[in-house]
């Protein structure tokens, strides 16, 4: 298992709303076989443990 500390970027739209963005390392996506042809992922938020889990959609 590999671990990295990443920063979330926040952008303000023209209407004034804030949108967060997170860039994942390509090496992480390579390890779960996410690529340009197969790019759907499932994102799970666990509020109890404050975790976000990203899985490749099967």
PDB file of N, CA and C in Angstrom:
ATOM      1  N   UNK A   1       0.853  -1.176   0.000  1.00  0.00           N
ATOM      2  CA  UNK A   1       0.000   0.000   0.000  1.00  0.00           C
ATOM      3  C   UNK A   1       0.893   1.232   0.000  1.00  0.00           C
ATOM      4  N   UNK A   2       0.514   2.202  -0.801  1.00  0.00           N
ATOM      5  CA  UNK A   2       1.273   3.448  -0.896  1.00  0.00           C
ATOM      6  C   UNK A   2       0.434   4.580  -0.321  1.00  0.00           C
ATOM      7  N   UNK A   3       1.085   5.495   0.359  1.00  0.00           N
ATOM      8  CA  UNK A   3       0.368   6.610   0.984  1.00  0.00           C
ATOM      9  C   UNK A   3       1.056   7.919   0.594  1.00  0.00           C
ATOM     10  N   UNK A   4       0.231   8.924   0.285  1.00  0.00           N
ATOM     11  CA  UNK A   4       0.754  10.265   0.001  1.00  0.00           C
ATOM     12  C   UNK A   4      -0.156  11.291   0.656  1.00  0.00           C
ATOM     13  N   UNK A   5       0.409  12.408   1.006  1.00  0.00           N
ATOM     14  CA  UNK A   5      -0.363  13.541   1.510  1.00  0.00           C
ATOM     15  C   UNK A   5      -0.605  14.466   0.322  1.00  0.00           C
ATOM     16  N   UNK A   6      -1.885  14.730   0.003  1.00  0.00           N
ATOM     17  CA  UNK A   6      -2.250  15.580  -1.114  1.00  0.00           C
ATOM     18  C   UNK A   6      -3.013  16.795  -0.605  1.00  0.00           C
ATOM     19  N   UNK A   7      -3.050  17.850  -1.388  1.00  0.00           N
ATOM     20  CA  UNK A   7      -3.801  19.046  -1.027  1.00  0.00           C
ATOM     21  C   UNK A   7      -5.007  19.189  -1.938  1.00  0.00           C
ATOM     22  N   UNK A   8      -6.110  19.570  -1.364  1.00  0.00           N
ATOM     23  CA  UNK A   8      -7.321  19.855  -2.129  1.00  0.00           C
ATOM     24  C   UNK A   8      -7.240  21.309  -2.586  1.00  0.00           C
ATOM     25  N   UNK A   9      -7.505  21.549  -3.873  1.00  0.00           N
ATOM     26  CA  UNK A   9      -7.541  22.904  -4.414  1.00  0.00           C
ATOM     27  C   UNK A   9      -8.986  23.379  -4.423  1.00  0.00           C
ATOM     28  N   UNK A  10      -9.186  24.660  -4.159  1.00  0.00           N
ATOM     29  CA  UNK A  10     -10.519  25.248  -4.177  1.00  0.00           C
ATOM     30  C   UNK A  10     -10.539  26.361  -5.214  1.00  0.00           C
ATOM     31  N   UNK A  11     -11.544  26.332  -6.089  1.00  0.00           N
ATOM     32  CA  UNK A  11     -11.678  27.305  -7.156  1.00  0.00           C
ATOM     33  C   UNK A  11     -13.014  28.019  -7.035  1.00  0.00           C
ATOM     34  N   UNK A  12     -13.019  29.301  -7.327  1.00  0.00           N
ATOM     35  CA  UNK A  12     -14.256  30.074  -7.310  1.00  0.00           C
ATOM     36  C   UNK A  12     -14.742  30.241  -8.746  1.00  0.00           C
ATOM     37  N   UNK A  13     -16.009  29.900  -8.979  1.00  0.00           N
ATOM     38  CA  UNK A  13     -16.583  30.027 -10.321  1.00  0.00           C
ATOM     39  C   UNK A  13     -16.993  31.470 -10.568  1.00  0.00           C
ATOM     40  N   UNK A  14     -17.426  31.736 -11.780  1.00  0.00           N
ATOM     41  CA  UNK A  14     -17.870  33.077 -12.130  1.00  0.00           C
ATOM     42  C   UNK A  14     -19.080  33.524 -11.321  1.00  0.00           C
ATOM     43  N   UNK A  15     -19.896  32.563 -10.896  1.00  0.00           N
ATOM     44  CA  UNK A  15     -21.083  32.910 -10.103  1.00  0.00           C
ATOM     45  C   UNK A  15     -20.766  33.026  -8.616  1.00  0.00           C
ATOM     46  N   UNK A  16     -19.518  32.728  -8.227  1.00  0.00           N
ATOM     47  CA  UNK A  16     -19.104  32.879  -6.839  1.00  0.00           C
ATOM     48  C   UNK A  16     -19.123  31.606  -6.011  1.00  0.00           C
ATOM     49  N   UNK A  17     -19.587  30.491  -6.588  1.00  0.00           N
ATOM     50  CA  UNK A  17     -19.587  29.235  -5.822  1.00  0.00           C
ATOM     51  C   UNK A  17     -18.179  28.638  -5.798  1.00  0.00           C
ATOM     52  N   UNK A  18     -17.911  27.854  -4.770  1.00  0.00           N
ATOM     53  CA  UNK A  18     -16.594  27.243  -4.585  1.00  0.00           C
ATOM     54  C   UNK A  18     -16.647  25.777  -5.008  1.00  0.00           C
ATOM     55  N   UNK A  19     -15.669  25.343  -5.809  1.00  0.00           N
ATOM     56  CA  UNK A  19     -15.572  23.949  -6.250  1.00  0.00           C
ATOM     57  C   UNK A  19     -14.230  23.373  -5.815  1.00  0.00           C
ATOM     58  N   UNK A  20     -14.234  22.280  -5.042  1.00  0.00           N
ATOM     59  CA  UNK A  20     -12.981  21.632  -4.667  1.00  0.00           C
ATOM     60  C   UNK A  20     -12.522  20.660  -5.751  1.00  0.00           C
ATOM     61  N   UNK A  21     -11.220  20.490  -5.887  1.00  0.00           N
ATOM     62  CA  UNK A  21     -10.656  19.531  -6.838  1.00  0.00           C
ATOM     63  C   UNK A  21      -9.470  18.841  -6.172  1.00  0.00           C
ATOM     64  N   UNK A  22      -9.314  17.564  -6.506  1.00  0.00           N
ATOM     65  CA  UNK A  22      -8.211  16.773  -5.980  1.00  0.00           C
ATOM     66  C   UNK A  22      -7.575  16.011  -7.126  1.00  0.00           C
ATOM     67  N   UNK A  23      -6.290  16.193  -7.330  1.00  0.00           N
ATOM     68  CA  UNK A  23      -5.564  15.469  -8.369  1.00  0.00           C
ATOM     69  C   UNK A  23      -4.950  14.222  -7.761  1.00  0.00           C
ATOM     70  N   UNK A  24      -5.265  13.064  -8.367  1.00  0.00           N
ATOM     71  CA  UNK A  24      -4.702  11.799  -7.914  1.00  0.00           C
ATOM     72  C   UNK A  24      -3.476  11.467  -8.752  1.00  0.00           C
ATOM     73  N   UNK A  25      -2.456  10.906  -8.131  1.00  0.00           N
ATOM     74  CA  UNK A  25      -1.284  10.501  -8.907  1.00  0.00           C
ATOM     75  C   UNK A  25      -1.660   9.420  -9.929  1.00  0.00           C
ATOM     76  N   UNK A  26      -1.120   9.535 -11.134  1.00  0.00           N
ATOM     77  CA  UNK A  26      -1.401   8.551 -12.175  1.00  0.00           C
ATOM     78  C   UNK A  26      -0.969   7.165 -11.731  1.00  0.00           C
ATOM     79  N   UNK A  27       0.097   7.073 -10.963  1.00  0.00           N
ATOM     80  CA  UNK A  27       0.564   5.769 -10.503  1.00  0.00           C
ATOM     81  C   UNK A  27      -0.495   5.064  -9.653  1.00  0.00           C
ATOM     82  N   UNK A  28      -1.293   5.814  -8.887  1.00  0.00           N
ATOM     83  CA  UNK A  28      -2.379   5.223  -8.102  1.00  0.00           C
ATOM     84  C   UNK A  28      -3.434   4.628  -9.032  1.00  0.00           C
ATOM     85  N   UNK A  29      -3.814   5.384 -10.062  1.00  0.00           N
ATOM     86  CA  UNK A  29      -4.824   4.911 -11.007  1.00  0.00           C
ATOM     87  C   UNK A  29      -4.317   3.723 -11.813  1.00  0.00           C
ATOM     88  N   UNK A  30      -3.035   3.733 -12.154  1.00  0.00           N
ATOM     89  CA  UNK A  30      -2.435   2.601 -12.862  1.00  0.00           C
ATOM     90  C   UNK A  30      -2.551   1.321 -12.031  1.00  0.00           C
ATOM     91  N   UNK A  31      -2.366   1.439 -10.724  1.00  0.00           N
ATOM     92  CA  UNK A  31      -2.394   0.264  -9.847  1.00  0.00           C
ATOM     93  C   UNK A  31      -3.768  -0.380  -9.780  1.00  0.00           C
ATOM     94  N   UNK A  32      -4.837   0.386 -10.008  1.00  0.00           N
ATOM     95  CA  UNK A  32      -6.187  -0.204 -10.000  1.00  0.00           C
ATOM     96  C   UNK A  32      -6.765  -0.277 -11.418  1.00  0.00           C
ATOM     97  N   UNK A  33      -5.899  -0.150 -12.411  1.00  0.00           N
ATOM     98  CA  UNK A  33      -6.251  -0.307 -13.830  1.00  0.00           C
ATOM     99  C   UNK A  33      -7.315   0.674 -14.312  1.00  0.00           C
ATOM    100  N   UNK A  34      -7.238   1.911 -13.883  1.00  0.00           N
ATOM    101  CA  UNK A  34      -8.093   2.970 -14.414  1.00  0.00           C
ATOM    102  C   UNK A  34      -7.309   3.659 -15.518  1.00  0.00           C
ATOM    103  N   UNK A  35      -7.920   3.744 -16.706  1.00  0.00           N
ATOM    104  CA  UNK A  35      -7.241   4.367 -17.840  1.00  0.00           C
ATOM    105  C   UNK A  35      -8.269   5.126 -18.669  1.00  0.00           C
ATOM    106  N   UNK A  36      -7.866   5.633 -19.814  1.00  0.00           N
ATOM    107  CA  UNK A  36      -8.754   6.459 -20.632  1.00  0.00           C
ATOM    108  C   UNK A  36      -9.942   5.667 -21.174  1.00  0.00           C
ATOM    109  N   UNK A  37      -9.784   4.373 -21.388  1.00  0.00           N
ATOM    110  CA  UNK A  37     -10.886   3.554 -21.892  1.00  0.00           C
ATOM    111  C   UNK A  37     -11.789   3.079 -20.753  1.00  0.00           C
ATOM    112  N   UNK A  38     -11.215   2.739 -19.618  1.00  0.00           N
ATOM    113  CA  UNK A  38     -11.964   2.255 -18.452  1.00  0.00           C
ATOM    114  C   UNK A  38     -11.739   3.239 -17.308  1.00  0.00           C
ATOM    115  N   UNK A  39     -12.572   4.290 -17.249  1.00  0.00           N
ATOM    116  CA  UNK A  39     -12.302   5.378 -16.317  1.00  0.00           C
ATOM    117  C   UNK A  39     -13.376   5.591 -15.263  1.00  0.00           C
ATOM    118  N   UNK A  40     -14.356   4.703 -15.188  1.00  0.00           N
ATOM    119  CA  UNK A  40     -15.394   4.855 -14.171  1.00  0.00           C
ATOM    120  C   UNK A  40     -14.914   4.321 -12.828  1.00  0.00           C
ATOM    121  N   UNK A  41     -15.145   5.120 -11.790  1.00  0.00           N
ATOM    122  CA  UNK A  41     -14.791   4.721 -10.441  1.00  0.00           C
ATOM    123  C   UNK A  41     -16.009   4.908  -9.538  1.00  0.00           C
ATOM    124  N   UNK A  42     -16.011   4.189  -8.436  1.00  0.00           N
ATOM    125  CA  UNK A  42     -17.049   4.312  -7.410  1.00  0.00           C
ATOM    126  C   UNK A  42     -16.422   5.041  -6.228  1.00  0.00           C
ATOM    127  N   UNK A  43     -17.091   6.073  -5.731  1.00  0.00           N
ATOM    128  CA  UNK A  43     -16.583   6.857  -4.604  1.00  0.00           C
ATOM    129  C   UNK A  43     -17.527   6.665  -3.427  1.00  0.00           C
ATOM    130  N   UNK A  44     -16.968   6.247  -2.288  1.00  0.00           N
ATOM    131  CA  UNK A  44     -17.750   5.980  -1.085  1.00  0.00           C
ATOM    132  C   UNK A  44     -17.265   6.924   0.010  1.00  0.00           C
ATOM    133  N   UNK A  45     -18.198   7.598   0.674  1.00  0.00           N
ATOM    134  CA  UNK A  45     -17.862   8.490   1.784  1.00  0.00           C
ATOM    135  C   UNK A  45     -18.363   7.844   3.071  1.00  0.00           C
ATOM    136  N   UNK A  46     -17.456   7.624   4.021  1.00  0.00           N
ATOM    137  CA  UNK A  46     -17.817   7.100   5.333  1.00  0.00           C
ATOM    138  C   UNK A  46     -17.674   8.244   6.330  1.00  0.00           C
ATOM    139  N   UNK A  47     -18.807   8.796   6.729  1.00  0.00           N
ATOM    140  CA  UNK A  47     -18.786   9.937   7.649  1.00  0.00           C
ATOM    141  C   UNK A  47     -18.286   9.553   9.041  1.00  0.00           C
ATOM    142  N   UNK A  48     -18.532   8.303   9.461  1.00  0.00           N
ATOM    143  CA  UNK A  48     -18.117   7.865  10.795  1.00  0.00           C
ATOM    144  C   UNK A  48     -16.594   7.862  10.939  1.00  0.00           C
ATOM    145  N   UNK A  49     -15.903   7.351   9.914  1.00  0.00           N
ATOM    146  CA  UNK A  49     -14.440   7.269   9.972  1.00  0.00           C
ATOM    147  C   UNK A  49     -13.757   8.416   9.240  1.00  0.00           C
ATOM    148  N   UNK A  50     -14.559   9.295   8.614  1.00  0.00           N
ATOM    149  CA  UNK A  50     -14.060  10.423   7.816  1.00  0.00           C
ATOM    150  C   UNK A  50     -13.108   9.946   6.724  1.00  0.00           C
ATOM    151  N   UNK A  51     -13.557   8.924   5.993  1.00  0.00           N
ATOM    152  CA  UNK A  51     -12.773   8.360   4.904  1.00  0.00           C
ATOM    153  C   UNK A  51     -13.525   8.483   3.587  1.00  0.00           C
ATOM    154  N   UNK A  52     -12.789   8.682   2.521  1.00  0.00           N
ATOM    155  CA  UNK A  52     -13.309   8.614   1.160  1.00  0.00           C
ATOM    156  C   UNK A  52     -12.592   7.453   0.494  1.00  0.00           C
ATOM    157  N   UNK A  53     -13.354   6.509  -0.045  1.00  0.00           N
ATOM    158  CA  UNK A  53     -12.784   5.323  -0.692  1.00  0.00           C
ATOM    159  C   UNK A  53     -13.110   5.399  -2.173  1.00  0.00           C
ATOM    160  N   UNK A  54     -12.093   5.188  -2.997  1.00  0.00           N
ATOM    161  CA  UNK A  54     -12.252   5.212  -4.443  1.00  0.00           C
ATOM    162  C   UNK A  54     -11.941   3.807  -4.975  1.00  0.00           C
ATOM    163  N   UNK A  55     -12.914   3.204  -5.686  1.00  0.00           N
ATOM    164  CA  UNK A  55     -12.749   1.873  -6.247  1.00  0.00           C
ATOM    165  C   UNK A  55     -13.030   1.923  -7.736  1.00  0.00           C
ATOM    166  N   UNK A  56     -12.346   1.078  -8.479  1.00  0.00           N
ATOM    167  CA  UNK A  56     -12.666   0.959  -9.898  1.00  0.00           C
ATOM    168  C   UNK A  56     -14.017   0.282 -10.027  1.00  0.00           C
ATOM    169  N   UNK A  57     -14.885   0.840 -10.890  1.00  0.00           N
ATOM    170  CA  UNK A  57     -16.198   0.248 -11.111  1.00  0.00           C
ATOM    171  C   UNK A  57     -16.021  -1.035 -11.900  1.00  0.00           C
ATOM    172  N   UNK A  58     -16.669  -2.090 -11.444  1.00  0.00           N
ATOM    173  CA  UNK A  58     -16.543  -3.391 -12.124  1.00  0.00           C
ATOM    174  C   UNK A  58     -17.669  -3.619 -13.077  1.00  0.00           C
TER     175      UNK A  58
END
